[in-house]
């Protein structure tokens, strides 16, 4: 019984990238113990295996909406809750400015 293994056909890919990006990527890959060819081959194999690009691609506006939802909205809700709390002292802009001025004078004499 003999088994034959076929040697894969190698295809060459030519890609234009920013030379600085290439150098930085090569340095990082070298620290991992991988060369650029192996990393690109790994990327392509992952695309084939998972039938997708193995990382998220999004528009700037989509990313900003996610940041707003994840970080800004909770802070706004927290601020609304604190603003409604009668136990928390509220300052108007002029009061706050004066308080900060007094602190600066106390610290620096100015």
PDB file of N, CA and C in Angstrom:
ATOM      1  N   UNK A   1       0.824  -1.155   0.000  1.00  0.00           N
ATOM      2  CA  UNK A   1       0.000   0.000   0.000  1.00  0.00           C
ATOM      3  C   UNK A   1       0.887   1.243   0.000  1.00  0.00           C
ATOM      4  N   UNK A   2       0.746   2.043  -0.998  1.00  0.00           N
ATOM      5  CA  UNK A   2       1.577   3.237  -1.060  1.00  0.00           C
ATOM      6  C   UNK A   2       0.684   4.476  -1.066  1.00  0.00           C
ATOM      7  N   UNK A   3       1.134   5.428  -0.318  1.00  0.00           N
ATOM      8  CA  UNK A   3       0.408   6.696  -0.298  1.00  0.00           C
ATOM      9  C   UNK A   3       1.263   7.739  -0.978  1.00  0.00           C
ATOM     10  N   UNK A   4       0.611   8.527  -1.753  1.00  0.00           N
ATOM     11  CA  UNK A   4       1.347   9.595  -2.440  1.00  0.00           C
ATOM     12  C   UNK A   4       0.873  10.930  -1.889  1.00  0.00           C
ATOM     13  N   UNK A   5       1.822  11.754  -1.619  1.00  0.00           N
ATOM     14  CA  UNK A   5       1.478  13.099  -1.179  1.00  0.00           C
ATOM     15  C   UNK A   5       1.829  14.051  -2.302  1.00  0.00           C
ATOM     16  N   UNK A   6       0.917  14.905  -2.604  1.00  0.00           N
ATOM     17  CA  UNK A   6       1.183  15.846  -3.682  1.00  0.00           C
ATOM     18  C   UNK A   6       1.814  17.111  -3.118  1.00  0.00           C
ATOM     19  N   UNK A   7       2.736  17.622  -3.848  1.00  0.00           N
ATOM     20  CA  UNK A   7       3.389  18.862  -3.469  1.00  0.00           C
ATOM     21  C   UNK A   7       2.514  20.015  -3.936  1.00  0.00           C
ATOM     22  N   UNK A   8       2.208  20.954  -3.035  1.00  0.00           N
ATOM     23  CA  UNK A   8       1.348  22.061  -3.454  1.00  0.00           C
ATOM     24  C   UNK A   8       2.044  22.929  -4.503  1.00  0.00           C
ATOM     25  N   UNK A   9       1.246  23.440  -5.398  1.00  0.00           N
ATOM     26  CA  UNK A   9       1.762  24.376  -6.391  1.00  0.00           C
ATOM     27  C   UNK A   9       1.904  25.733  -5.717  1.00  0.00           C
ATOM     28  N   UNK A  10       3.044  26.339  -5.902  1.00  0.00           N
ATOM     29  CA  UNK A  10       3.324  27.619  -5.264  1.00  0.00           C
ATOM     30  C   UNK A  10       2.978  28.743  -6.230  1.00  0.00           C
ATOM     31  N   UNK A  11       2.247  29.738  -5.739  1.00  0.00           N
ATOM     32  CA  UNK A  11       1.919  30.916  -6.530  1.00  0.00           C
ATOM     33  C   UNK A  11       2.594  32.121  -5.899  1.00  0.00           C
ATOM     34  N   UNK A  12       3.101  32.994  -6.716  1.00  0.00           N
ATOM     35  CA  UNK A  12       3.771  34.200  -6.232  1.00  0.00           C
ATOM     36  C   UNK A  12       2.773  35.346  -6.227  1.00  0.00           C
ATOM     37  N   UNK A  13       2.787  36.123  -5.148  1.00  0.00           N
ATOM     38  CA  UNK A  13       1.924  37.300  -5.025  1.00  0.00           C
ATOM     39  C   UNK A  13       2.822  38.525  -4.893  1.00  0.00           C
ATOM     40  N   UNK A  14       2.491  39.552  -5.638  1.00  0.00           N
ATOM     41  CA  UNK A  14       3.216  40.819  -5.535  1.00  0.00           C
ATOM     42  C   UNK A  14       2.268  41.850  -4.932  1.00  0.00           C
ATOM     43  N   UNK A  15       2.675  42.431  -3.813  1.00  0.00           N
ATOM     44  CA  UNK A  15       1.820  43.377  -3.105  1.00  0.00           C
ATOM     45  C   UNK A  15       2.606  44.656  -2.869  1.00  0.00           C
ATOM     46  N   UNK A  16       1.982  45.782  -3.150  1.00  0.00           N
ATOM     47  CA  UNK A  16       2.605  47.078  -2.878  1.00  0.00           C
ATOM     48  C   UNK A  16       2.133  47.580  -1.524  1.00  0.00           C
ATOM     49  N   UNK A  17       3.089  47.836  -0.628  1.00  0.00           N
ATOM     50  CA  UNK A  17       2.774  48.373   0.692  1.00  0.00           C
ATOM     51  C   UNK A  17       3.754  49.488   1.022  1.00  0.00           C
ATOM     52  N   UNK A  18       3.383  50.313   1.942  1.00  0.00           N
ATOM     53  CA  UNK A  18       4.263  51.377   2.424  1.00  0.00           C
ATOM     54  C   UNK A  18       5.521  50.725   3.003  1.00  0.00           C
ATOM     55  N   UNK A  19       6.682  51.198   2.596  1.00  0.00           N
ATOM     56  CA  UNK A  19       7.929  50.552   3.020  1.00  0.00           C
ATOM     57  C   UNK A  19       8.122  50.619   4.534  1.00  0.00           C
ATOM     58  N   UNK A  20       7.669  51.686   5.166  1.00  0.00           N
ATOM     59  CA  UNK A  20       7.794  51.802   6.617  1.00  0.00           C
ATOM     60  C   UNK A  20       6.904  50.771   7.309  1.00  0.00           C
ATOM     61  N   UNK A  21       5.706  50.566   6.788  1.00  0.00           N
ATOM     62  CA  UNK A  21       4.802  49.554   7.347  1.00  0.00           C
ATOM     63  C   UNK A  21       5.430  48.175   7.209  1.00  0.00           C
ATOM     64  N   UNK A  22       6.014  47.907   6.055  1.00  0.00           N
ATOM     65  CA  UNK A  22       6.654  46.598   5.825  1.00  0.00           C
ATOM     66  C   UNK A  22       7.785  46.367   6.832  1.00  0.00           C
ATOM     67  N   UNK A  23       8.634  47.374   7.027  1.00  0.00           N
ATOM     68  CA  UNK A  23       9.762  47.238   7.958  1.00  0.00           C
ATOM     69  C   UNK A  23       9.270  46.996   9.380  1.00  0.00           C
ATOM     70  N   UNK A  24       8.254  47.758   9.799  1.00  0.00           N
ATOM     71  CA  UNK A  24       7.729  47.602  11.157  1.00  0.00           C
ATOM     72  C   UNK A  24       7.084  46.230  11.336  1.00  0.00           C
ATOM     73  N   UNK A  25       6.335  45.785  10.315  1.00  0.00           N
ATOM     74  CA  UNK A  25       5.707  44.463  10.379  1.00  0.00           C
ATOM     75  C   UNK A  25       6.769  43.370  10.452  1.00  0.00           C
ATOM     76  N   UNK A  26       7.818  43.493   9.633  1.00  0.00           N
ATOM     77  CA  UNK A  26       8.888  42.494   9.651  1.00  0.00           C
ATOM     78  C   UNK A  26       9.564  42.430  11.018  1.00  0.00           C
ATOM     79  N   UNK A  27       9.763  43.590  11.651  1.00  0.00           N
ATOM     80  CA  UNK A  27      10.395  43.620  12.965  1.00  0.00           C
ATOM     81  C   UNK A  27       9.525  42.890  13.997  1.00  0.00           C
ATOM     82  N   UNK A  28       8.222  43.187  13.989  1.00  0.00           N
ATOM     83  CA  UNK A  28       7.298  42.544  14.931  1.00  0.00           C
ATOM     84  C   UNK A  28       7.227  41.045  14.667  1.00  0.00           C
ATOM     85  N   UNK A  29       7.095  40.677  13.396  1.00  0.00           N
ATOM     86  CA  UNK A  29       7.023  39.256  13.050  1.00  0.00           C
ATOM     87  C   UNK A  29       8.299  38.523  13.434  1.00  0.00           C
ATOM     88  N   UNK A  30       9.429  39.185  13.277  1.00  0.00           N
ATOM     89  CA  UNK A  30      10.705  38.584  13.658  1.00  0.00           C
ATOM     90  C   UNK A  30      10.732  38.287  15.152  1.00  0.00           C
ATOM     91  N   UNK A  31      10.173  39.198  15.959  1.00  0.00           N
ATOM     92  CA  UNK A  31      10.115  38.980  17.405  1.00  0.00           C
ATOM     93  C   UNK A  31       9.220  37.787  17.741  1.00  0.00           C
ATOM     94  N   UNK A  32       8.218  37.548  16.902  1.00  0.00           N
ATOM     95  CA  UNK A  32       7.322  36.410  17.093  1.00  0.00           C
ATOM     96  C   UNK A  32       7.988  35.124  16.595  1.00  0.00           C
ATOM     97  N   UNK A  33       8.970  35.274  15.708  1.00  0.00           N
ATOM     98  CA  UNK A  33       9.637  34.116  15.122  1.00  0.00           C
ATOM     99  C   UNK A  33       9.055  33.742  13.774  1.00  0.00           C
ATOM    100  N   UNK A  34       8.544  34.730  13.062  1.00  0.00           N
ATOM    101  CA  UNK A  34       7.875  34.475  11.790  1.00  0.00           C
ATOM    102  C   UNK A  34       8.366  35.487  10.760  1.00  0.00           C
ATOM    103  N   UNK A  35       8.424  35.052   9.514  1.00  0.00           N
ATOM    104  CA  UNK A  35       8.764  36.005   8.462  1.00  0.00           C
ATOM    105  C   UNK A  35       7.486  36.496   7.776  1.00  0.00           C
ATOM    106  N   UNK A  36       7.634  37.495   6.929  1.00  0.00           N
ATOM    107  CA  UNK A  36       6.493  38.115   6.269  1.00  0.00           C
ATOM    108  C   UNK A  36       5.743  37.131   5.373  1.00  0.00           C
ATOM    109  N   UNK A  37       6.463  36.288   4.651  1.00  0.00           N
ATOM    110  CA  UNK A  37       5.831  35.301   3.778  1.00  0.00           C
ATOM    111  C   UNK A  37       4.955  34.348   4.572  1.00  0.00           C
ATOM    112  N   UNK A  38       5.466  33.872   5.703  1.00  0.00           N
ATOM    113  CA  UNK A  38       4.695  32.957   6.544  1.00  0.00           C
ATOM    114  C   UNK A  38       3.457  33.644   7.107  1.00  0.00           C
ATOM    115  N   UNK A  39       3.595  34.903   7.522  1.00  0.00           N
ATOM    116  CA  UNK A  39       2.457  35.641   8.077  1.00  0.00           C
ATOM    117  C   UNK A  39       1.367  35.833   7.025  1.00  0.00           C
ATOM    118  N   UNK A  40       1.759  36.181   5.804  1.00  0.00           N
ATOM    119  CA  UNK A  40       0.776  36.365   4.736  1.00  0.00           C
ATOM    120  C   UNK A  40       0.131  35.032   4.382  1.00  0.00           C
ATOM    121  N   UNK A  41       0.929  33.972   4.333  1.00  0.00           N
ATOM    122  CA  UNK A  41       0.383  32.642   4.067  1.00  0.00           C
ATOM    123  C   UNK A  41      -0.622  32.248   5.155  1.00  0.00           C
ATOM    124  N   UNK A  42      -0.288  32.523   6.411  1.00  0.00           N
ATOM    125  CA  UNK A  42      -1.178  32.236   7.532  1.00  0.00           C
ATOM    126  C   UNK A  42      -2.486  33.026   7.406  1.00  0.00           C
ATOM    127  N   UNK A  43      -2.379  34.307   7.044  1.00  0.00           N
ATOM    128  CA  UNK A  43      -3.569  35.125   6.840  1.00  0.00           C
ATOM    129  C   UNK A  43      -4.465  34.526   5.760  1.00  0.00           C
ATOM    130  N   UNK A  44      -3.887  34.171   4.622  1.00  0.00           N
ATOM    131  CA  UNK A  44      -4.672  33.614   3.521  1.00  0.00           C
ATOM    132  C   UNK A  44      -5.290  32.269   3.889  1.00  0.00           C
ATOM    133  N   UNK A  45      -4.548  31.423   4.593  1.00  0.00           N
ATOM    134  CA  UNK A  45      -5.093  30.132   5.023  1.00  0.00           C
ATOM    135  C   UNK A  45      -6.261  30.317   5.998  1.00  0.00           C
ATOM    136  N   UNK A  46      -6.145  31.320   6.876  1.00  0.00           N
ATOM    137  CA  UNK A  46      -7.222  31.603   7.818  1.00  0.00           C
ATOM    138  C   UNK A  46      -8.460  32.110   7.076  1.00  0.00           C
ATOM    139  N   UNK A  47      -8.269  32.953   6.084  1.00  0.00           N
ATOM    140  CA  UNK A  47      -9.390  33.426   5.265  1.00  0.00           C
ATOM    141  C   UNK A  47     -10.093  32.255   4.607  1.00  0.00           C
ATOM    142  N   UNK A  48      -9.331  31.325   4.055  1.00  0.00           N
ATOM    143  CA  UNK A  48      -9.914  30.150   3.392  1.00  0.00           C
ATOM    144  C   UNK A  48     -10.648  29.274   4.409  1.00  0.00           C
ATOM    145  N   UNK A  49     -10.015  29.006   5.539  1.00  0.00           N
ATOM    146  CA  UNK A  49     -10.607  28.127   6.550  1.00  0.00           C
ATOM    147  C   UNK A  49     -11.882  28.724   7.142  1.00  0.00           C
ATOM    148  N   UNK A  50     -11.859  30.025   7.480  1.00  0.00           N
ATOM    149  CA  UNK A  50     -13.004  30.651   8.158  1.00  0.00           C
ATOM    150  C   UNK A  50     -13.989  31.309   7.197  1.00  0.00           C
ATOM    151  N   UNK A  51     -13.594  31.386   5.938  1.00  0.00           N
ATOM    152  CA  UNK A  51     -14.413  32.031   4.901  1.00  0.00           C
ATOM    153  C   UNK A  51     -14.785  33.453   5.280  1.00  0.00           C
ATOM    154  N   UNK A  52     -13.822  34.149   5.849  1.00  0.00           N
ATOM    155  CA  UNK A  52     -13.989  35.558   6.217  1.00  0.00           C
ATOM    156  C   UNK A  52     -12.618  36.152   6.500  1.00  0.00           C
ATOM    157  N   UNK A  53     -12.561  37.478   6.557  1.00  0.00           N
ATOM    158  CA  UNK A  53     -11.330  38.134   6.980  1.00  0.00           C
ATOM    159  C   UNK A  53     -11.280  37.984   8.499  1.00  0.00           C
ATOM    160  N   UNK A  54     -10.188  37.503   9.057  1.00  0.00           N
ATOM    161  CA  UNK A  54     -10.158  37.150  10.482  1.00  0.00           C
ATOM    162  C   UNK A  54      -9.998  38.321  11.444  1.00  0.00           C
ATOM    163  N   UNK A  55     -10.448  39.472  11.059  1.00  0.00           N
ATOM    164  CA  UNK A  55     -10.484  40.611  11.956  1.00  0.00           C
ATOM    165  C   UNK A  55     -11.597  41.526  11.497  1.00  0.00           C
ATOM    166  N   UNK A  56     -11.996  42.416  12.386  1.00  0.00           N
ATOM    167  CA  UNK A  56     -13.140  43.269  12.106  1.00  0.00           C
ATOM    168  C   UNK A  56     -12.744  44.463  11.248  1.00  0.00           C
ATOM    169  N   UNK A  57     -13.524  44.721  10.235  1.00  0.00           N
ATOM    170  CA  UNK A  57     -13.360  45.903   9.398  1.00  0.00           C
ATOM    171  C   UNK A  57     -14.590  46.769   9.599  1.00  0.00           C
ATOM    172  N   UNK A  58     -14.382  48.044   9.868  1.00  0.00           N
ATOM    173  CA  UNK A  58     -15.526  48.924  10.067  1.00  0.00           C
ATOM    174  C   UNK A  58     -15.199  50.341   9.628  1.00  0.00           C
ATOM    175  N   UNK A  59     -16.249  51.091   9.395  1.00  0.00           N
ATOM    176  CA  UNK A  59     -16.070  52.486   9.030  1.00  0.00           C
ATOM    177  C   UNK A  59     -15.773  53.298  10.286  1.00  0.00           C
ATOM    178  N   UNK A  60     -15.241  54.468  10.107  1.00  0.00           N
ATOM    179  CA  UNK A  60     -14.948  55.343  11.240  1.00  0.00           C
ATOM    180  C   UNK A  60     -16.230  55.684  11.991  1.00  0.00           C
ATOM    181  N   UNK A  61     -17.306  55.970  11.258  1.00  0.00           N
ATOM    182  CA  UNK A  61     -18.559  56.334  11.929  1.00  0.00           C
ATOM    183  C   UNK A  61     -19.109  55.151  12.740  1.00  0.00           C
ATOM    184  N   UNK A  62     -18.959  53.944  12.239  1.00  0.00           N
ATOM    185  CA  UNK A  62     -19.402  52.759  12.976  1.00  0.00           C
ATOM    186  C   UNK A  62     -18.586  52.606  14.259  1.00  0.00           C
ATOM    187  N   UNK A  63     -17.298  52.835  14.161  1.00  0.00           N
ATOM    188  CA  UNK A  63     -16.415  52.742  15.316  1.00  0.00           C
ATOM    189  C   UNK A  63     -16.780  53.819  16.344  1.00  0.00           C
ATOM    190  N   UNK A  64     -17.051  55.033  15.863  1.00  0.00           N
ATOM    191  CA  UNK A  64     -17.422  56.115  16.775  1.00  0.00           C
ATOM    192  C   UNK A  64     -18.746  55.829  17.470  1.00  0.00           C
ATOM    193  N   UNK A  65     -19.704  55.264  16.744  1.00  0.00           N
ATOM    194  CA  UNK A  65     -20.987  54.905  17.363  1.00  0.00           C
ATOM    195  C   UNK A  65     -20.783  53.870  18.464  1.00  0.00           C
ATOM    196  N   UNK A  66     -19.920  52.893  18.215  1.00  0.00           N
ATOM    197  CA  UNK A  66     -19.634  51.862  19.204  1.00  0.00           C
ATOM    198  C   UNK A  66     -18.967  52.466  20.438  1.00  0.00           C
ATOM    199  N   UNK A  67     -18.012  53.367  20.227  1.00  0.00           N
ATOM    200  CA  UNK A  67     -17.368  54.041  21.359  1.00  0.00           C
ATOM    201  C   UNK A  67     -18.386  54.839  22.165  1.00  0.00           C
ATOM    202  N   UNK A  68     -19.272  55.532  21.452  1.00  0.00           N
ATOM    203  CA  UNK A  68     -20.299  56.323  22.127  1.00  0.00           C
ATOM    204  C   UNK A  68     -21.176  55.415  22.990  1.00  0.00           C
ATOM    205  N   UNK A  69     -21.608  54.312  22.384  1.00  0.00           N
ATOM    206  CA  UNK A  69     -22.488  53.375  23.092  1.00  0.00           C
ATOM    207  C   UNK A  69     -21.781  52.744  24.290  1.00  0.00           C
ATOM    208  N   UNK A  70     -20.521  52.405  24.118  1.00  0.00           N
ATOM    209  CA  UNK A  70     -19.792  51.661  25.141  1.00  0.00           C
ATOM    210  C   UNK A  70     -19.246  52.549  26.260  1.00  0.00           C
ATOM    211  N   UNK A  71     -18.808  53.771  25.913  1.00  0.00           N
ATOM    212  CA  UNK A  71     -18.127  54.593  26.915  1.00  0.00           C
ATOM    213  C   UNK A  71     -18.840  55.904  27.237  1.00  0.00           C
ATOM    214  N   UNK A  72     -19.269  56.625  26.214  1.00  0.00           N
ATOM    215  CA  UNK A  72     -19.819  57.957  26.430  1.00  0.00           C
ATOM    216  C   UNK A  72     -21.229  57.890  27.006  1.00  0.00           C
ATOM    217  N   UNK A  73     -22.088  57.053  26.438  1.00  0.00           N
ATOM    218  CA  UNK A  73     -23.465  56.958  26.903  1.00  0.00           C
ATOM    219  C   UNK A  73     -23.560  56.587  28.383  1.00  0.00           C
ATOM    220  N   UNK A  74     -22.792  55.594  28.860  1.00  0.00           N
ATOM    221  CA  UNK A  74     -22.849  55.290  30.299  1.00  0.00           C
ATOM    222  C   UNK A  74     -22.425  56.480  31.172  1.00  0.00           C
ATOM    223  N   UNK A  75     -21.426  57.242  30.711  1.00  0.00           N
ATOM    224  CA  UNK A  75     -20.990  58.415  31.475  1.00  0.00           C
ATOM    225  C   UNK A  75     -22.068  59.488  31.485  1.00  0.00           C
ATOM    226  N   UNK A  76     -22.772  59.658  30.364  1.00  0.00           N
ATOM    227  CA  UNK A  76     -23.873  60.626  30.308  1.00  0.00           C
ATOM    228  C   UNK A  76     -24.992  60.215  31.264  1.00  0.00           C
ATOM    229  N   UNK A  77     -25.300  58.917  31.281  1.00  0.00           N
ATOM    230  CA  UNK A  77     -26.339  58.429  32.193  1.00  0.00           C
ATOM    231  C   UNK A  77     -25.932  58.644  33.645  1.00  0.00           C
ATOM    232  N   UNK A  78     -24.664  58.398  33.933  1.00  0.00           N
ATOM    233  CA  UNK A  78     -24.147  58.609  35.291  1.00  0.00           C
ATOM    234  C   UNK A  78     -24.255  60.085  35.671  1.00  0.00           C
ATOM    235  N   UNK A  79     -23.903  60.968  34.742  1.00  0.00           N
ATOM    236  CA  UNK A  79     -23.983  62.410  34.998  1.00  0.00           C
ATOM    237  C   UNK A  79     -25.423  62.852  35.232  1.00  0.00           C
ATOM    238  N   UNK A  80     -26.358  62.292  34.460  1.00  0.00           N
ATOM    239  CA  UNK A  80     -27.782  62.629  34.646  1.00  0.00           C
ATOM    240  C   UNK A  80     -28.252  62.195  36.035  1.00  0.00           C
ATOM    241  N   UNK A  81     -27.843  61.003  36.455  1.00  0.00           N
ATOM    242  CA  UNK A  81     -28.224  60.488  37.765  1.00  0.00           C
ATOM    243  C   UNK A  81     -27.652  61.375  38.865  1.00  0.00           C
ATOM    244  N   UNK A  82     -26.382  61.743  38.723  1.00  0.00           N
ATOM    245  CA  UNK A  82     -25.746  62.601  39.725  1.00  0.00           C
ATOM    246  C   UNK A  82     -26.377  63.983  39.742  1.00  0.00           C
ATOM    247  N   UNK A  83     -26.746  64.501  38.579  1.00  0.00           N
ATOM    248  CA  UNK A  83     -27.367  65.820  38.500  1.00  0.00           C
ATOM    249  C   UNK A  83     -28.720  65.829  39.195  1.00  0.00           C
ATOM    250  N   UNK A  84     -29.411  64.710  39.179  1.00  0.00           N
ATOM    251  CA  UNK A  84     -30.724  64.619  39.813  1.00  0.00           C
ATOM    252  C   UNK A  84     -30.636  64.340  41.310  1.00  0.00           C
ATOM    253  N   UNK A  85     -29.454  63.992  41.813  1.00  0.00           N
ATOM    254  CA  UNK A  85     -29.275  63.648  43.228  1.00  0.00           C
ATOM    255  C   UNK A  85     -29.192  64.928  44.062  1.00  0.00           C
ATOM    256  N   UNK A  86     -30.146  65.166  44.941  1.00  0.00           N
ATOM    257  CA  UNK A  86     -30.143  66.405  45.731  1.00  0.00           C
ATOM    258  C   UNK A  86     -29.009  66.462  46.765  1.00  0.00           C
ATOM    259  N   UNK A  87     -28.387  65.331  47.057  1.00  0.00           N
ATOM    260  CA  UNK A  87     -27.304  65.311  48.046  1.00  0.00           C
ATOM    261  C   UNK A  87     -25.978  65.827  47.465  1.00  0.00           C
ATOM    262  N   UNK A  88     -25.885  65.872  46.139  1.00  0.00           N
ATOM    263  CA  UNK A  88     -24.644  66.321  45.498  1.00  0.00           C
ATOM    264  C   UNK A  88     -24.730  67.828  45.263  1.00  0.00           C
ATOM    265  N   UNK A  89     -23.731  68.576  45.778  1.00  0.00           N
ATOM    266  CA  UNK A  89     -23.718  70.029  45.614  1.00  0.00           C
ATOM    267  C   UNK A  89     -23.433  70.374  44.165  1.00  0.00           C
ATOM    268  N   UNK A  90     -24.229  71.289  43.646  1.00  0.00           N
ATOM    269  CA  UNK A  90     -24.075  71.735  42.261  1.00  0.00           C
ATOM    270  C   UNK A  90     -23.473  73.139  42.267  1.00  0.00           C
ATOM    271  N   UNK A  91     -22.629  73.414  41.285  1.00  0.00           N
ATOM    272  CA  UNK A  91     -22.023  74.732  41.133  1.00  0.00           C
ATOM    273  C   UNK A  91     -22.376  75.263  39.756  1.00  0.00           C
ATOM    274  N   UNK A  92     -22.638  76.549  39.669  1.00  0.00           N
ATOM    275  CA  UNK A  92     -22.775  77.150  38.340  1.00  0.00           C
ATOM    276  C   UNK A  92     -21.356  77.474  37.855  1.00  0.00           C
ATOM    277  N   UNK A  93     -21.218  77.845  36.619  1.00  0.00           N
ATOM    278  CA  UNK A  93     -19.903  78.071  36.019  1.00  0.00           C
ATOM    279  C   UNK A  93     -19.112  79.120  36.789  1.00  0.00           C
ATOM    280  N   UNK A  94     -19.743  80.224  37.143  1.00  0.00           N
ATOM    281  CA  UNK A  94     -19.015  81.302  37.838  1.00  0.00           C
ATOM    282  C   UNK A  94     -18.562  80.848  39.232  1.00  0.00           C
ATOM    283  N   UNK A  95     -19.385  80.076  39.924  1.00  0.00           N
ATOM    284  CA  UNK A  95     -19.002  79.562  41.238  1.00  0.00           C
ATOM    285  C   UNK A  95     -17.811  78.616  41.126  1.00  0.00           C
ATOM    286  N   UNK A  96     -17.853  77.751  40.129  1.00  0.00           N
ATOM    287  CA  UNK A  96     -16.772  76.803  39.918  1.00  0.00           C
ATOM    288  C   UNK A  96     -15.489  77.523  39.543  1.00  0.00           C
ATOM    289  N   UNK A  97     -15.583  78.520  38.668  1.00  0.00           N
ATOM    290  CA  UNK A  97     -14.403  79.302  38.273  1.00  0.00           C
ATOM    291  C   UNK A  97     -13.787  79.983  39.487  1.00  0.00           C
ATOM    292  N   UNK A  98     -14.624  80.556  40.337  1.00  0.00           N
ATOM    293  CA  UNK A  98     -14.128  81.230  41.542  1.00  0.00           C
ATOM    294  C   UNK A  98     -13.477  80.242  42.495  1.00  0.00           C
ATOM    295  N   UNK A  99     -14.077  79.092  42.671  1.00  0.00           N
ATOM    296  CA  UNK A  99     -13.510  78.058  43.545  1.00  0.00           C
ATOM    297  C   UNK A  99     -12.138  77.619  43.030  1.00  0.00           C
ATOM    298  N   UNK A 100     -12.018  77.403  41.722  1.00  0.00           N
ATOM    299  CA  UNK A 100     -10.730  77.012  41.134  1.00  0.00           C
ATOM    300  C   UNK A 100      -9.699  78.129  41.280  1.00  0.00           C
ATOM    301  N   UNK A 101     -10.122  79.381  41.109  1.00  0.00           N
ATOM    302  CA  UNK A 101      -9.219  80.521  41.276  1.00  0.00           C
ATOM    303  C   UNK A 101      -8.695  80.566  42.704  1.00  0.00           C
ATOM    304  N   UNK A 102      -9.575  80.361  43.677  1.00  0.00           N
ATOM    305  CA  UNK A 102      -9.172  80.376  45.088  1.00  0.00           C
ATOM    306  C   UNK A 102      -8.169  79.263  45.386  1.00  0.00           C
ATOM    307  N   UNK A 103      -8.392  78.085  44.809  1.00  0.00           N
ATOM    308  CA  UNK A 103      -7.451  76.972  45.008  1.00  0.00           C
ATOM    309  C   UNK A 103      -6.085  77.306  44.410  1.00  0.00           C
ATOM    310  N   UNK A 104      -6.085  77.925  43.232  1.00  0.00           N
ATOM    311  CA  UNK A 104      -4.832  78.293  42.564  1.00  0.00           C
ATOM    312  C   UNK A 104      -4.073  79.312  43.408  1.00  0.00           C
ATOM    313  N   UNK A 105      -4.783  80.316  43.943  1.00  0.00           N
ATOM    314  CA  UNK A 105      -4.167  81.336  44.794  1.00  0.00           C
ATOM    315  C   UNK A 105      -3.591  80.693  46.046  1.00  0.00           C
ATOM    316  N   UNK A 106      -4.335  79.777  46.639  1.00  0.00           N
ATOM    317  CA  UNK A 106      -3.869  79.101  47.860  1.00  0.00           C
ATOM    318  C   UNK A 106      -2.605  78.298  47.598  1.00  0.00           C
ATOM    319  N   UNK A 107      -2.532  77.663  46.424  1.00  0.00           N
ATOM    320  CA  UNK A 107      -1.358  76.837  46.107  1.00  0.00           C
ATOM    321  C   UNK A 107      -0.174  77.644  45.645  1.00  0.00           C
ATOM    322  N   UNK A 108      -0.431  78.628  44.784  1.00  0.00           N
ATOM    323  CA  UNK A 108       0.675  79.307  44.097  1.00  0.00           C
ATOM    324  C   UNK A 108       0.802  80.777  44.489  1.00  0.00           C
ATOM    325  N   UNK A 109      -0.139  81.294  45.255  1.00  0.00           N
ATOM    326  CA  UNK A 109      -0.079  82.699  45.641  1.00  0.00           C
ATOM    327  C   UNK A 109      -0.366  83.631  44.479  1.00  0.00           C
ATOM    328  N   UNK A 110      -0.923  83.116  43.395  1.00  0.00           N
ATOM    329  CA  UNK A 110      -1.199  83.948  42.204  1.00  0.00           C
ATOM    330  C   UNK A 110      -2.682  84.037  41.972  1.00  0.00           C
TER     331      UNK A 110
END
